[in-house]
Amino acid sequence: MSDYHVLGVSDNGQVVQVVFHIVVPSGNNFVGKAYSQAIVEDDSVSKISVVPGLGTSNPTEVTALAAGTLVERSFSFKVDAGLSNAAKRDRLDVEFREMEAQVRAAIPRKYNFWGFERTVP
């Protein structure tokens, strides 16, 4: 399973459009619901990949998106067109790790009370 997919690069080589695939943290929220299940229930989160042809090239990623165990984040960033391909890749790796940390930290906060119900006595 890939951590990211480059969807395109601008004509001048300075803007890269990429989709990051981030594994959802395991664990349950306050009410005992798995974060992945909360994501499946959240209609605001797409379970369909924006990566063209992903279903045929990597059905495992498609299955993980549908199961809520993987989320996608689209990202554009600027790079110096003069950088070597290895330097661009390394920069993209750093961007991925930063986004991964942010998203994985945000999921428990966002879904902490997802599914909570209570009848007040």
PDB file of N, CA and C in Angstrom:
ATOM      1  N   MET A   1       0.853  -1.171   0.000  1.00  0.00           N
ATOM      2  CA  MET A   1       0.000   0.000   0.000  1.00  0.00           C
ATOM      3  C   MET A   1       0.901   1.237   0.000  1.00  0.00           C
ATOM      4  N   SER A   2       0.582   2.158  -0.885  1.00  0.00           N
ATOM      5  CA  SER A   2       1.393   3.374  -1.010  1.00  0.00           C
ATOM      6  C   SER A   2       0.988   4.414   0.025  1.00  0.00           C
ATOM      7  N   ASP A   3       1.967   5.169   0.495  1.00  0.00           N
ATOM      8  CA  ASP A   3       1.676   6.281   1.396  1.00  0.00           C
ATOM      9  C   ASP A   3       1.147   7.479   0.630  1.00  0.00           C
ATOM     10  N   TYR A   4       1.578   7.635  -0.614  1.00  0.00           N
ATOM     11  CA  TYR A   4       1.070   8.750  -1.407  1.00  0.00           C
ATOM     12  C   TYR A   4       1.159   8.448  -2.894  1.00  0.00           C
ATOM     13  N   HIS A   5       0.364   9.218  -3.650  1.00  0.00           N
ATOM     14  CA  HIS A   5       0.311   9.123  -5.097  1.00  0.00           C
ATOM     15  C   HIS A   5       0.424  10.533  -5.658  1.00  0.00           C
ATOM     16  N   VAL A   6       1.368  10.751  -6.550  1.00  0.00           N
ATOM     17  CA  VAL A   6       1.473  12.041  -7.231  1.00  0.00           C
ATOM     18  C   VAL A   6       0.490  12.017  -8.392  1.00  0.00           C
ATOM     19  N   LEU A   7      -0.404  13.013  -8.410  1.00  0.00           N
ATOM     20  CA  LEU A   7      -1.413  13.089  -9.458  1.00  0.00           C
ATOM     21  C   LEU A   7      -0.996  14.000 -10.596  1.00  0.00           C
ATOM     22  N   GLY A   8      -0.069  14.909 -10.324  1.00  0.00           N
ATOM     23  CA  GLY A   8       0.369  15.802 -11.383  1.00  0.00           C
ATOM     24  C   GLY A   8       1.386  16.799 -10.886  1.00  0.00           C
ATOM     25  N   VAL A   9       2.061  17.397 -11.854  1.00  0.00           N
ATOM     26  CA  VAL A   9       3.044  18.438 -11.587  1.00  0.00           C
ATOM     27  C   VAL A   9       2.748  19.562 -12.571  1.00  0.00           C
ATOM     28  N   SER A  10       2.823  20.787 -12.093  1.00  0.00           N
ATOM     29  CA  SER A  10       2.552  21.934 -12.959  1.00  0.00           C
ATOM     30  C   SER A  10       3.557  21.990 -14.113  1.00  0.00           C
ATOM     31  N   ASP A  11       3.176  22.716 -15.147  1.00  0.00           N
ATOM     32  CA  ASP A  11       4.045  22.833 -16.325  1.00  0.00           C
ATOM     33  C   ASP A  11       5.432  23.364 -15.987  1.00  0.00           C
ATOM     34  N   ASN A  12       5.507  24.248 -15.007  1.00  0.00           N
ATOM     35  CA  ASN A  12       6.815  24.805 -14.646  1.00  0.00           C
ATOM     36  C   ASN A  12       7.565  23.928 -13.638  1.00  0.00           C
ATOM     37  N   GLY A  13       6.950  22.820 -13.216  1.00  0.00           N
ATOM     38  CA  GLY A  13       7.607  21.883 -12.311  1.00  0.00           C
ATOM     39  C   GLY A  13       7.678  22.339 -10.875  1.00  0.00           C
ATOM     40  N   GLN A  14       6.933  23.378 -10.521  1.00  0.00           N
ATOM     41  CA  GLN A  14       7.053  23.926  -9.173  1.00  0.00           C
ATOM     42  C   GLN A  14       5.904  23.572  -8.238  1.00  0.00           C
ATOM     43  N   VAL A  15       4.804  23.073  -8.752  1.00  0.00           N
ATOM     44  CA  VAL A  15       3.679  22.699  -7.903  1.00  0.00           C
ATOM     45  C   VAL A  15       3.351  21.226  -8.142  1.00  0.00           C
ATOM     46  N   VAL A  16       3.334  20.473  -7.070  1.00  0.00           N
ATOM     47  CA  VAL A  16       3.048  19.042  -7.135  1.00  0.00           C
ATOM     48  C   VAL A  16       1.701  18.794  -6.470  1.00  0.00           C
ATOM     49  N   GLN A  17       0.810  18.082  -7.168  1.00  0.00           N
ATOM     50  CA  GLN A  17      -0.483  17.686  -6.603  1.00  0.00           C
ATOM     51  C   GLN A  17      -0.358  16.225  -6.185  1.00  0.00           C
ATOM     52  N   VAL A  18      -0.635  15.963  -4.930  1.00  0.00           N
ATOM     53  CA  VAL A  18      -0.431  14.625  -4.385  1.00  0.00           C
ATOM     54  C   VAL A  18      -1.614  14.249  -3.498  1.00  0.00           C
ATOM     55  N   VAL A  19      -1.853  12.955  -3.385  1.00  0.00           N
ATOM     56  CA  VAL A  19      -2.853  12.431  -2.457  1.00  0.00           C
ATOM     57  C   VAL A  19      -2.115  11.559  -1.447  1.00  0.00           C
ATOM     58  N   PHE A  20      -2.273  11.906  -0.184  1.00  0.00           N
ATOM     59  CA  PHE A  20      -1.666  11.130   0.896  1.00  0.00           C
ATOM     60  C   PHE A  20      -2.673  10.095   1.384  1.00  0.00           C
ATOM     61  N   HIS A  21      -2.208   8.896   1.649  1.00  0.00           N
ATOM     62  CA  HIS A  21      -3.021   7.858   2.281  1.00  0.00           C
ATOM     63  C   HIS A  21      -2.516   7.690   3.701  1.00  0.00           C
ATOM     64  N   ILE A  22      -3.409   7.933   4.652  1.00  0.00           N
ATOM     65  CA  ILE A  22      -3.032   7.939   6.060  1.00  0.00           C
ATOM     66  C   ILE A  22      -3.834   6.877   6.800  1.00  0.00           C
ATOM     67  N   VAL A  23      -3.118   6.027   7.492  1.00  0.00           N
ATOM     68  CA  VAL A  23      -3.758   4.949   8.258  1.00  0.00           C
ATOM     69  C   VAL A  23      -4.432   5.549   9.485  1.00  0.00           C
ATOM     70  N   VAL A  24      -5.680   5.182   9.688  1.00  0.00           N
ATOM     71  CA  VAL A  24      -6.459   5.657  10.831  1.00  0.00           C
ATOM     72  C   VAL A  24      -5.948   4.957  12.090  1.00  0.00           C
ATOM     73  N   PRO A  25      -5.771   5.720  13.172  1.00  0.00           N
ATOM     74  CA  PRO A  25      -5.295   5.075  14.398  1.00  0.00           C
ATOM     75  C   PRO A  25      -6.293   4.017  14.889  1.00  0.00           C
ATOM     76  N   SER A  26      -5.768   2.933  15.405  1.00  0.00           N
ATOM     77  CA  SER A  26      -6.648   1.932  16.001  1.00  0.00           C
ATOM     78  C   SER A  26      -7.127   2.474  17.340  1.00  0.00           C
ATOM     79  N   GLY A  27      -8.130   1.866  17.854  1.00  0.00           N
ATOM     80  CA  GLY A  27      -8.635   2.291  19.154  1.00  0.00           C
ATOM     81  C   GLY A  27     -10.078   2.734  19.065  1.00  0.00           C
ATOM     82  N   ASN A  28     -10.623   2.990  20.232  1.00  0.00           N
ATOM     83  CA  ASN A  28     -12.034   3.340  20.353  1.00  0.00           C
ATOM     84  C   ASN A  28     -12.196   4.707  20.991  1.00  0.00           C
ATOM     85  N   ASN A  29     -13.328   5.307  20.722  1.00  0.00           N
ATOM     86  CA  ASN A  29     -13.619   6.610  21.311  1.00  0.00           C
ATOM     87  C   ASN A  29     -14.285   6.449  22.678  1.00  0.00           C
ATOM     88  N   PHE A  30     -14.774   7.543  23.215  1.00  0.00           N
ATOM     89  CA  PHE A  30     -15.395   7.605  24.533  1.00  0.00           C
ATOM     90  C   PHE A  30     -16.522   6.590  24.710  1.00  0.00           C
ATOM     91  N   VAL A  31     -17.277   6.348  23.638  1.00  0.00           N
ATOM     92  CA  VAL A  31     -18.416   5.436  23.733  1.00  0.00           C
ATOM     93  C   VAL A  31     -18.080   4.011  23.290  1.00  0.00           C
ATOM     94  N   GLY A  32     -16.801   3.753  23.022  1.00  0.00           N
ATOM     95  CA  GLY A  32     -16.379   2.409  22.653  1.00  0.00           C
ATOM     96  C   GLY A  32     -16.461   2.110  21.168  1.00  0.00           C
ATOM     97  N   LYS A  33     -16.713   3.119  20.367  1.00  0.00           N
ATOM     98  CA  LYS A  33     -16.795   2.930  18.917  1.00  0.00           C
ATOM     99  C   LYS A  33     -15.400   3.090  18.314  1.00  0.00           C
ATOM    100  N   ALA A  34     -15.046   2.168  17.432  1.00  0.00           N
ATOM    101  CA  ALA A  34     -13.749   2.261  16.759  1.00  0.00           C
ATOM    102  C   ALA A  34     -13.711   3.520  15.902  1.00  0.00           C
ATOM    103  N   TYR A  35     -12.549   4.171  15.863  1.00  0.00           N
ATOM    104  CA  TYR A  35     -12.399   5.369  15.032  1.00  0.00           C
ATOM    105  C   TYR A  35     -12.718   5.048  13.575  1.00  0.00           C
ATOM    106  N   SER A  36     -12.305   3.882  13.120  1.00  0.00           N
ATOM    107  CA  SER A  36     -12.584   3.504  11.730  1.00  0.00           C
ATOM    108  C   SER A  36     -14.085   3.413  11.478  1.00  0.00           C
ATOM    109  N   GLN A  37     -14.841   2.910  12.437  1.00  0.00           N
ATOM    110  CA  GLN A  37     -16.300   2.820  12.271  1.00  0.00           C
ATOM    111  C   GLN A  37     -16.921   4.209  12.263  1.00  0.00           C
ATOM    112  N   ALA A  38     -16.426   5.100  13.096  1.00  0.00           N
ATOM    113  CA  ALA A  38     -16.925   6.477  13.103  1.00  0.00           C
ATOM    114  C   ALA A  38     -16.692   7.134  11.747  1.00  0.00           C
ATOM    115  N   ILE A  39     -15.546   6.872  11.145  1.00  0.00           N
ATOM    116  CA  ILE A  39     -15.243   7.441   9.839  1.00  0.00           C
ATOM    117  C   ILE A  39     -16.191   6.872   8.785  1.00  0.00           C
ATOM    118  N   VAL A  40     -16.474   5.581   8.852  1.00  0.00           N
ATOM    119  CA  VAL A  40     -17.431   4.972   7.916  1.00  0.00           C
ATOM    120  C   VAL A  40     -18.798   5.648   8.045  1.00  0.00           C
ATOM    121  N   GLU A  41     -19.201   5.959   9.260  1.00  0.00           N
ATOM    122  CA  GLU A  41     -20.515   6.566   9.503  1.00  0.00           C
ATOM    123  C   GLU A  41     -20.560   8.059   9.167  1.00  0.00           C
ATOM    124  N   ASP A  42     -19.417   8.694   9.065  1.00  0.00           N
ATOM    125  CA  ASP A  42     -19.345  10.132   8.813  1.00  0.00           C
ATOM    126  C   ASP A  42     -19.506  10.398   7.317  1.00  0.00           C
ATOM    127  N   ASP A  43     -20.655  10.947   6.951  1.00  0.00           N
ATOM    128  CA  ASP A  43     -20.930  11.208   5.540  1.00  0.00           C
ATOM    129  C   ASP A  43     -20.050  12.306   4.950  1.00  0.00           C
ATOM    130  N   SER A  44     -19.375  13.080   5.785  1.00  0.00           N
ATOM    131  CA  SER A  44     -18.524  14.141   5.258  1.00  0.00           C
ATOM    132  C   SER A  44     -17.153  13.625   4.811  1.00  0.00           C
ATOM    133  N   VAL A  45     -16.864  12.364   5.089  1.00  0.00           N
ATOM    134  CA  VAL A  45     -15.578  11.773   4.704  1.00  0.00           C
ATOM    135  C   VAL A  45     -15.802  10.861   3.506  1.00  0.00           C
ATOM    136  N   SER A  46     -15.102  11.151   2.419  1.00  0.00           N
ATOM    137  CA  SER A  46     -15.237  10.339   1.211  1.00  0.00           C
ATOM    138  C   SER A  46     -14.588   8.982   1.412  1.00  0.00           C
ATOM    139  N   LYS A  47     -15.295   7.962   0.999  1.00  0.00           N
ATOM    140  CA  LYS A  47     -14.750   6.603   1.044  1.00  0.00           C
ATOM    141  C   LYS A  47     -14.355   6.147  -0.349  1.00  0.00           C
ATOM    142  N   ILE A  48     -14.402   7.066  -1.316  1.00  0.00           N
ATOM    143  CA  ILE A  48     -14.032   6.771  -2.699  1.00  0.00           C
ATOM    144  C   ILE A  48     -12.746   7.531  -3.012  1.00  0.00           C
ATOM    145  N   SER A  49     -11.783   6.834  -3.537  1.00  0.00           N
ATOM    146  CA  SER A  49     -10.484   7.440  -3.803  1.00  0.00           C
ATOM    147  C   SER A  49     -10.546   8.441  -4.948  1.00  0.00           C
ATOM    148  N   VAL A  50      -9.751   9.490  -4.813  1.00  0.00           N
ATOM    149  CA  VAL A  50      -9.607  10.462  -5.901  1.00  0.00           C
ATOM    150  C   VAL A  50      -8.466  10.063  -6.836  1.00  0.00           C
ATOM    151  N   VAL A  51      -7.768   8.984  -6.521  1.00  0.00           N
ATOM    152  CA  VAL A  51      -6.653   8.528  -7.341  1.00  0.00           C
ATOM    153  C   VAL A  51      -7.213   7.736  -8.526  1.00  0.00           C
ATOM    154  N   PRO A  52      -6.997   8.221  -9.746  1.00  0.00           N
ATOM    155  CA  PRO A  52      -7.529   7.516 -10.919  1.00  0.00           C
ATOM    156  C   PRO A  52      -7.004   6.089 -11.011  1.00  0.00           C
ATOM    157  N   GLY A  53      -7.904   5.149 -11.269  1.00  0.00           N
ATOM    158  CA  GLY A  53      -7.506   3.763 -11.484  1.00  0.00           C
ATOM    159  C   GLY A  53      -7.071   3.008 -10.253  1.00  0.00           C
ATOM    160  N   LEU A  54      -7.257   3.578  -9.077  1.00  0.00           N
ATOM    161  CA  LEU A  54      -6.771   2.912  -7.862  1.00  0.00           C
ATOM    162  C   LEU A  54      -7.458   1.564  -7.649  1.00  0.00           C
ATOM    163  N   GLY A  55      -8.723   1.481  -7.995  1.00  0.00           N
ATOM    164  CA  GLY A  55      -9.465   0.237  -7.781  1.00  0.00           C
ATOM    165  C   GLY A  55      -8.874  -0.949  -8.503  1.00  0.00           C
ATOM    166  N   THR A  56      -8.324  -0.709  -9.671  1.00  0.00           N
ATOM    167  CA  THR A  56      -7.725  -1.814 -10.416  1.00  0.00           C
ATOM    168  C   THR A  56      -6.255  -1.998 -10.079  1.00  0.00           C
ATOM    169  N   SER A  57      -5.574  -0.898  -9.740  1.00  0.00           N
ATOM    170  CA  SER A  57      -4.142  -1.009  -9.462  1.00  0.00           C
ATOM    171  C   SER A  57      -3.857  -1.405  -8.020  1.00  0.00           C
ATOM    172  N   ASN A  58      -4.738  -1.047  -7.103  1.00  0.00           N
ATOM    173  CA  ASN A  58      -4.499  -1.380  -5.700  1.00  0.00           C
ATOM    174  C   ASN A  58      -5.820  -1.534  -4.953  1.00  0.00           C
ATOM    175  N   PRO A  59      -6.481  -2.655  -5.145  1.00  0.00           N
ATOM    176  CA  PRO A  59      -7.773  -2.861  -4.475  1.00  0.00           C
ATOM    177  C   PRO A  59      -7.678  -2.868  -2.955  1.00  0.00           C
ATOM    178  N   THR A  60      -6.500  -3.152  -2.400  1.00  0.00           N
ATOM    179  CA  THR A  60      -6.328  -3.140  -0.946  1.00  0.00           C
ATOM    180  C   THR A  60      -6.573  -1.742  -0.393  1.00  0.00           C
ATOM    181  N   GLU A  61      -6.075  -0.722  -1.077  1.00  0.00           N
ATOM    182  CA  GLU A  61      -6.287   0.656  -0.632  1.00  0.00           C
ATOM    183  C   GLU A  61      -7.759   1.039  -0.732  1.00  0.00           C
ATOM    184  N   VAL A  62      -8.419   0.613  -1.791  1.00  0.00           N
ATOM    185  CA  VAL A  62      -9.840   0.909  -1.966  1.00  0.00           C
ATOM    186  C   VAL A  62     -10.649   0.274  -0.837  1.00  0.00           C
ATOM    187  N   THR A  63     -10.326  -0.960  -0.502  1.00  0.00           N
ATOM    188  CA  THR A  63     -11.007  -1.664   0.586  1.00  0.00           C
ATOM    189  C   THR A  63     -10.775  -0.961   1.920  1.00  0.00           C
ATOM    190  N   ALA A  64      -9.543  -0.520   2.160  1.00  0.00           N
ATOM    191  CA  ALA A  64      -9.220   0.171   3.412  1.00  0.00           C
ATOM    192  C   ALA A  64      -9.950   1.515   3.512  1.00  0.00           C
ATOM    193  N   LEU A  65     -10.074   2.229   2.405  1.00  0.00           N
ATOM    194  CA  LEU A  65     -10.845   3.482   2.413  1.00  0.00           C
ATOM    195  C   LEU A  65     -12.297   3.213   2.770  1.00  0.00           C
ATOM    196  N   ALA A  66     -12.886   2.202   2.154  1.00  0.00           N
ATOM    197  CA  ALA A  66     -14.290   1.869   2.412  1.00  0.00           C
ATOM    198  C   ALA A  66     -14.504   1.409   3.851  1.00  0.00           C
ATOM    199  N   ALA A  67     -13.493   0.779   4.439  1.00  0.00           N
ATOM    200  CA  ALA A  67     -13.596   0.268   5.812  1.00  0.00           C
ATOM    201  C   ALA A  67     -13.273   1.330   6.859  1.00  0.00           C
ATOM    202  N   GLY A  68     -12.839   2.508   6.416  1.00  0.00           N
ATOM    203  CA  GLY A  68     -12.518   3.573   7.363  1.00  0.00           C
ATOM    204  C   GLY A  68     -11.176   3.408   8.050  1.00  0.00           C
ATOM    205  N   THR A  69     -10.359   2.486   7.575  1.00  0.00           N
ATOM    206  CA  THR A  69      -9.048   2.283   8.191  1.00  0.00           C
ATOM    207  C   THR A  69      -7.957   3.092   7.494  1.00  0.00           C
ATOM    208  N   LEU A  70      -8.352   3.799   6.426  1.00  0.00           N
ATOM    209  CA  LEU A  70      -7.444   4.634   5.665  1.00  0.00           C
ATOM    210  C   LEU A  70      -8.215   5.870   5.219  1.00  0.00           C
ATOM    211  N   VAL A  71      -7.574   7.032   5.297  1.00  0.00           N
ATOM    212  CA  VAL A  71      -8.194   8.263   4.797  1.00  0.00           C
ATOM    213  C   VAL A  71      -7.251   8.910   3.793  1.00  0.00           C
ATOM    214  N   GLU A  72      -7.836   9.671   2.897  1.00  0.00           N
ATOM    215  CA  GLU A  72      -7.058  10.396   1.903  1.00  0.00           C
ATOM    216  C   GLU A  72      -7.055  11.880   2.216  1.00  0.00           C
ATOM    217  N   ARG A  73      -5.950  12.502   1.925  1.00  0.00           N
ATOM    218  CA  ARG A  73      -5.837  13.960   2.012  1.00  0.00           C
ATOM    219  C   ARG A  73      -5.123  14.434   0.763  1.00  0.00           C
ATOM    220  N   SER A  74      -5.765  15.325   0.017  1.00  0.00           N
ATOM    221  CA  SER A  74      -5.140  15.921  -1.162  1.00  0.00           C
ATOM    222  C   SER A  74      -4.272  17.085  -0.710  1.00  0.00           C
ATOM    223  N   PHE A  75      -3.192  17.276  -1.418  1.00  0.00           N
ATOM    224  CA  PHE A  75      -2.228  18.276  -0.996  1.00  0.00           C
ATOM    225  C   PHE A  75      -1.483  18.799  -2.213  1.00  0.00           C
ATOM    226  N   SER A  76      -1.291  20.093  -2.275  1.00  0.00           N
ATOM    227  CA  SER A  76      -0.449  20.716  -3.300  1.00  0.00           C
ATOM    228  C   SER A  76       0.688  21.432  -2.592  1.00  0.00           C
ATOM    229  N   PHE A  77       1.870  21.311  -3.113  1.00  0.00           N
ATOM    230  CA  PHE A  77       2.964  22.058  -2.504  1.00  0.00           C
ATOM    231  C   PHE A  77       3.947  22.499  -3.574  1.00  0.00           C
ATOM    232  N   LYS A  78       4.637  23.568  -3.243  1.00  0.00           N
ATOM    233  CA  LYS A  78       5.611  24.146  -4.165  1.00  0.00           C
ATOM    234  C   LYS A  78       6.993  23.573  -3.883  1.00  0.00           C
ATOM    235  N   VAL A  79       7.695  23.321  -4.954  1.00  0.00           N
ATOM    236  CA  VAL A  79       9.085  22.876  -4.851  1.00  0.00           C
ATOM    237  C   VAL A  79       9.918  23.703  -5.820  1.00  0.00           C
ATOM    238  N   ASP A  80      11.169  23.771  -5.540  1.00  0.00           N
ATOM    239  CA  ASP A  80      12.101  24.432  -6.442  1.00  0.00           C
ATOM    240  C   ASP A  80      12.301  23.503  -7.641  1.00  0.00           C
ATOM    241  N   ALA A  81      11.966  23.991  -8.826  1.00  0.00           N
ATOM    242  CA  ALA A  81      12.084  23.177 -10.034  1.00  0.00           C
ATOM    243  C   ALA A  81      13.517  22.711 -10.263  1.00  0.00           C
ATOM    244  N   GLY A  82      14.486  23.404  -9.684  1.00  0.00           N
ATOM    245  CA  GLY A  82      15.888  23.041  -9.858  1.00  0.00           C
ATOM    246  C   GLY A  82      16.358  21.905  -8.969  1.00  0.00           C
ATOM    247  N   LEU A  83      15.517  21.471  -8.022  1.00  0.00           N
ATOM    248  CA  LEU A  83      15.907  20.365  -7.144  1.00  0.00           C
ATOM    249  C   LEU A  83      16.005  19.067  -7.930  1.00  0.00           C
ATOM    250  N   SER A  84      16.861  18.202  -7.476  1.00  0.00           N
ATOM    251  CA  SER A  84      16.943  16.870  -8.097  1.00  0.00           C
ATOM    252  C   SER A  84      15.667  16.095  -7.768  1.00  0.00           C
ATOM    253  N   ASN A  85      15.411  15.058  -8.532  1.00  0.00           N
ATOM    254  CA  ASN A  85      14.230  14.226  -8.259  1.00  0.00           C
ATOM    255  C   ASN A  85      14.305  13.604  -6.869  1.00  0.00           C
ATOM    256  N   ALA A  86      15.494  13.199  -6.448  1.00  0.00           N
ATOM    257  CA  ALA A  86      15.657  12.621  -5.112  1.00  0.00           C
ATOM    258  C   ALA A  86      15.329  13.652  -4.036  1.00  0.00           C
ATOM    259  N   ALA A  87      15.748  14.896  -4.239  1.00  0.00           N
ATOM    260  CA  ALA A  87      15.457  15.952  -3.262  1.00  0.00           C
ATOM    261  C   ALA A  87      13.966  16.247  -3.219  1.00  0.00           C
ATOM    262  N   LYS A  88      13.304  16.223  -4.374  1.00  0.00           N
ATOM    263  CA  LYS A  88      11.844  16.424  -4.416  1.00  0.00           C
ATOM    264  C   LYS A  88      11.137  15.291  -3.682  1.00  0.00           C
ATOM    265  N   ARG A  89      11.591  14.063  -3.916  1.00  0.00           N
ATOM    266  CA  ARG A  89      11.004  12.907  -3.233  1.00  0.00           C
ATOM    267  C   ARG A  89      11.179  13.024  -1.725  1.00  0.00           C
ATOM    268  N   ASP A  90      12.380  13.419  -1.302  1.00  0.00           N
ATOM    269  CA  ASP A  90      12.643  13.564   0.132  1.00  0.00           C
ATOM    270  C   ASP A  90      11.760  14.650   0.736  1.00  0.00           C
ATOM    271  N   ARG A  91      11.565  15.715   0.003  1.00  0.00           N
ATOM    272  CA  ARG A  91      10.692  16.792   0.483  1.00  0.00           C
ATOM    273  C   ARG A  91       9.257  16.288   0.612  1.00  0.00           C
ATOM    274  N   LEU A  92       8.828  15.506  -0.360  1.00  0.00           N
ATOM    275  CA  LEU A  92       7.484  14.929  -0.320  1.00  0.00           C
ATOM    276  C   LEU A  92       7.332  13.970   0.850  1.00  0.00           C
ATOM    277  N   ASP A  93       8.370  13.193   1.136  1.00  0.00           N
ATOM    278  CA  ASP A  93       8.341  12.286   2.292  1.00  0.00           C
ATOM    279  C   ASP A  93       8.148  13.069   3.593  1.00  0.00           C
ATOM    280  N   VAL A  94       8.856  14.191   3.724  1.00  0.00           N
ATOM    281  CA  VAL A  94       8.725  15.030   4.918  1.00  0.00           C
ATOM    282  C   VAL A  94       7.307  15.592   5.016  1.00  0.00           C
ATOM    283  N   GLU A  95       6.776  16.072   3.899  1.00  0.00           N
ATOM    284  CA  GLU A  95       5.412  16.609   3.882  1.00  0.00           C
ATOM    285  C   GLU A  95       4.410  15.532   4.289  1.00  0.00           C
ATOM    286  N   PHE A  96       4.627  14.307   3.787  1.00  0.00           N
ATOM    287  CA  PHE A  96       3.733  13.209   4.147  1.00  0.00           C
ATOM    288  C   PHE A  96       3.774  12.941   5.647  1.00  0.00           C
ATOM    289  N   ARG A  97       4.963  12.835   6.203  1.00  0.00           N
ATOM    290  CA  ARG A  97       5.085  12.525   7.644  1.00  0.00           C
ATOM    291  C   ARG A  97       4.432  13.610   8.498  1.00  0.00           C
ATOM    292  N   GLU A  98       4.575  14.868   8.089  1.00  0.00           N
ATOM    293  CA  GLU A  98       3.947  15.959   8.842  1.00  0.00           C
ATOM    294  C   GLU A  98       2.427  15.875   8.765  1.00  0.00           C
ATOM    295  N   MET A  99       1.899  15.658   7.563  1.00  0.00           N
ATOM    296  CA  MET A  99       0.445  15.541   7.401  1.00  0.00           C
ATOM    297  C   MET A  99      -0.074  14.308   8.127  1.00  0.00           C
ATOM    298  N   GLU A 100       0.652  13.215   8.053  1.00  0.00           N
ATOM    299  CA  GLU A 100       0.257  11.982   8.728  1.00  0.00           C
ATOM    300  C   GLU A 100       0.112  12.223  10.227  1.00  0.00           C
ATOM    301  N   ALA A 101       1.088  12.882  10.825  1.00  0.00           N
ATOM    302  CA  ALA A 101       1.043  13.158  12.263  1.00  0.00           C
ATOM    303  C   ALA A 101      -0.146  14.048  12.613  1.00  0.00           C
ATOM    304  N   GLN A 102      -0.394  15.067  11.807  1.00  0.00           N
ATOM    305  CA  GLN A 102      -1.517  15.975  12.066  1.00  0.00           C
ATOM    306  C   GLN A 102      -2.854  15.250  11.972  1.00  0.00           C
ATOM    307  N   VAL A 103      -3.038  14.474  10.929  1.00  0.00           N
ATOM    308  CA  VAL A 103      -4.315  13.781  10.720  1.00  0.00           C
ATOM    309  C   VAL A 103      -4.531  12.717  11.790  1.00  0.00           C
ATOM    310  N   ARG A 104      -3.497  11.948  12.078  1.00  0.00           N
ATOM    311  CA  ARG A 104      -3.649  10.897  13.094  1.00  0.00           C
ATOM    312  C   ARG A 104      -3.930  11.481  14.481  1.00  0.00           C
ATOM    313  N   ALA A 105      -3.415  12.652  14.763  1.00  0.00           N
ATOM    314  CA  ALA A 105      -3.705  13.309  16.045  1.00  0.00           C
ATOM    315  C   ALA A 105      -5.116  13.899  16.049  1.00  0.00           C
ATOM    316  N   ALA A 106      -5.593  14.344  14.895  1.00  0.00           N
ATOM    317  CA  ALA A 106      -6.904  14.990  14.818  1.00  0.00           C
ATOM    318  C   ALA A 106      -8.061  13.994  14.876  1.00  0.00           C
ATOM    319  N   ILE A 107      -7.854  12.784  14.397  1.00  0.00           N
ATOM    320  CA  ILE A 107      -8.953  11.808  14.339  1.00  0.00           C
ATOM    321  C   ILE A 107      -9.524  11.515  15.722  1.00  0.00           C
ATOM    322  N   PRO A 108      -8.729  11.193  16.730  1.00  0.00           N
ATOM    323  CA  PRO A 108      -9.320  10.953  18.054  1.00  0.00           C
ATOM    324  C   PRO A 108     -10.051  12.174  18.617  1.00  0.00           C
ATOM    325  N   ARG A 109      -9.552  13.368  18.338  1.00  0.00           N
ATOM    326  CA  ARG A 109     -10.246  14.574  18.808  1.00  0.00           C
ATOM    327  C   ARG A 109     -11.586  14.738  18.099  1.00  0.00           C
ATOM    328  N   LYS A 110     -11.585  14.570  16.793  1.00  0.00           N
ATOM    329  CA  LYS A 110     -12.806  14.772  16.007  1.00  0.00           C
ATOM    330  C   LYS A 110     -13.880  13.751  16.356  1.00  0.00           C
ATOM    331  N   TYR A 111     -13.478  12.519  16.583  1.00  0.00           N
ATOM    332  CA  TYR A 111     -14.447  11.442  16.779  1.00  0.00           C
ATOM    333  C   TYR A 111     -14.578  10.984  18.227  1.00  0.00           C
ATOM    334  N   ASN A 112     -14.069  11.742  19.177  1.00  0.00           N
ATOM    335  CA  ASN A 112     -14.096  11.328  20.569  1.00  0.00           C
ATOM    336  C   ASN A 112     -15.513  11.031  21.079  1.00  0.00           C
ATOM    337  N   PHE A 113     -16.487  11.837  20.674  1.00  0.00           N
ATOM    338  CA  PHE A 113     -17.856  11.633  21.152  1.00  0.00           C
ATOM    339  C   PHE A 113     -18.793  11.133  20.061  1.00  0.00           C
ATOM    340  N   TRP A 114     -18.253  10.713  18.931  1.00  0.00           N
ATOM    341  CA  TRP A 114     -19.075  10.227  17.833  1.00  0.00           C
ATOM    342  C   TRP A 114     -19.924   9.049  18.309  1.00  0.00           C
ATOM    343  N   GLY A 115     -21.230   9.144  18.109  1.00  0.00           N
ATOM    344  CA  GLY A 115     -22.131   8.071  18.481  1.00  0.00           C
ATOM    345  C   GLY A 115     -22.621   8.146  19.922  1.00  0.00           C
ATOM    346  N   PHE A 116     -22.217   9.187  20.650  1.00  0.00           N
ATOM    347  CA  PHE A 116     -22.645   9.315  22.047  1.00  0.00           C
ATOM    348  C   PHE A 116     -24.125   9.669  22.116  1.00  0.00           C
ATOM    349  N   GLU A 117     -24.832   8.958  22.955  1.00  0.00           N
ATOM    350  CA  GLU A 117     -26.249   9.222  23.186  1.00  0.00           C
ATOM    351  C   GLU A 117     -26.483   9.185  24.692  1.00  0.00           C
ATOM    352  N   ARG A 118     -27.442   9.971  25.122  1.00  0.00           N
ATOM    353  CA  ARG A 118     -27.726   9.967  26.555  1.00  0.00           C
ATOM    354  C   ARG A 118     -29.126  10.521  26.774  1.00  0.00           C
ATOM    355  N   THR A 119     -29.832   9.891  27.661  1.00  0.00           N
ATOM    356  CA  THR A 119     -31.095  10.399  28.145  1.00  0.00           C
ATOM    357  C   THR A 119     -30.800  11.008  29.514  1.00  0.00           C
ATOM    358  N   VAL A 120     -31.024  12.289  29.638  1.00  0.00           N
ATOM    359  CA  VAL A 120     -30.708  12.982  30.888  1.00  0.00           C
ATOM    360  C   VAL A 120     -31.762  12.616  31.931  1.00  0.00           C
ATOM    361  N   PRO A 121     -31.285  12.161  33.093  1.00  0.00           N
ATOM    362  CA  PRO A 121     -32.244  11.760  34.150  1.00  0.00           C
ATOM    363  C   PRO A 121     -32.976  12.964  34.747  1.00  0.00           C
TER     364      PRO A 121
END
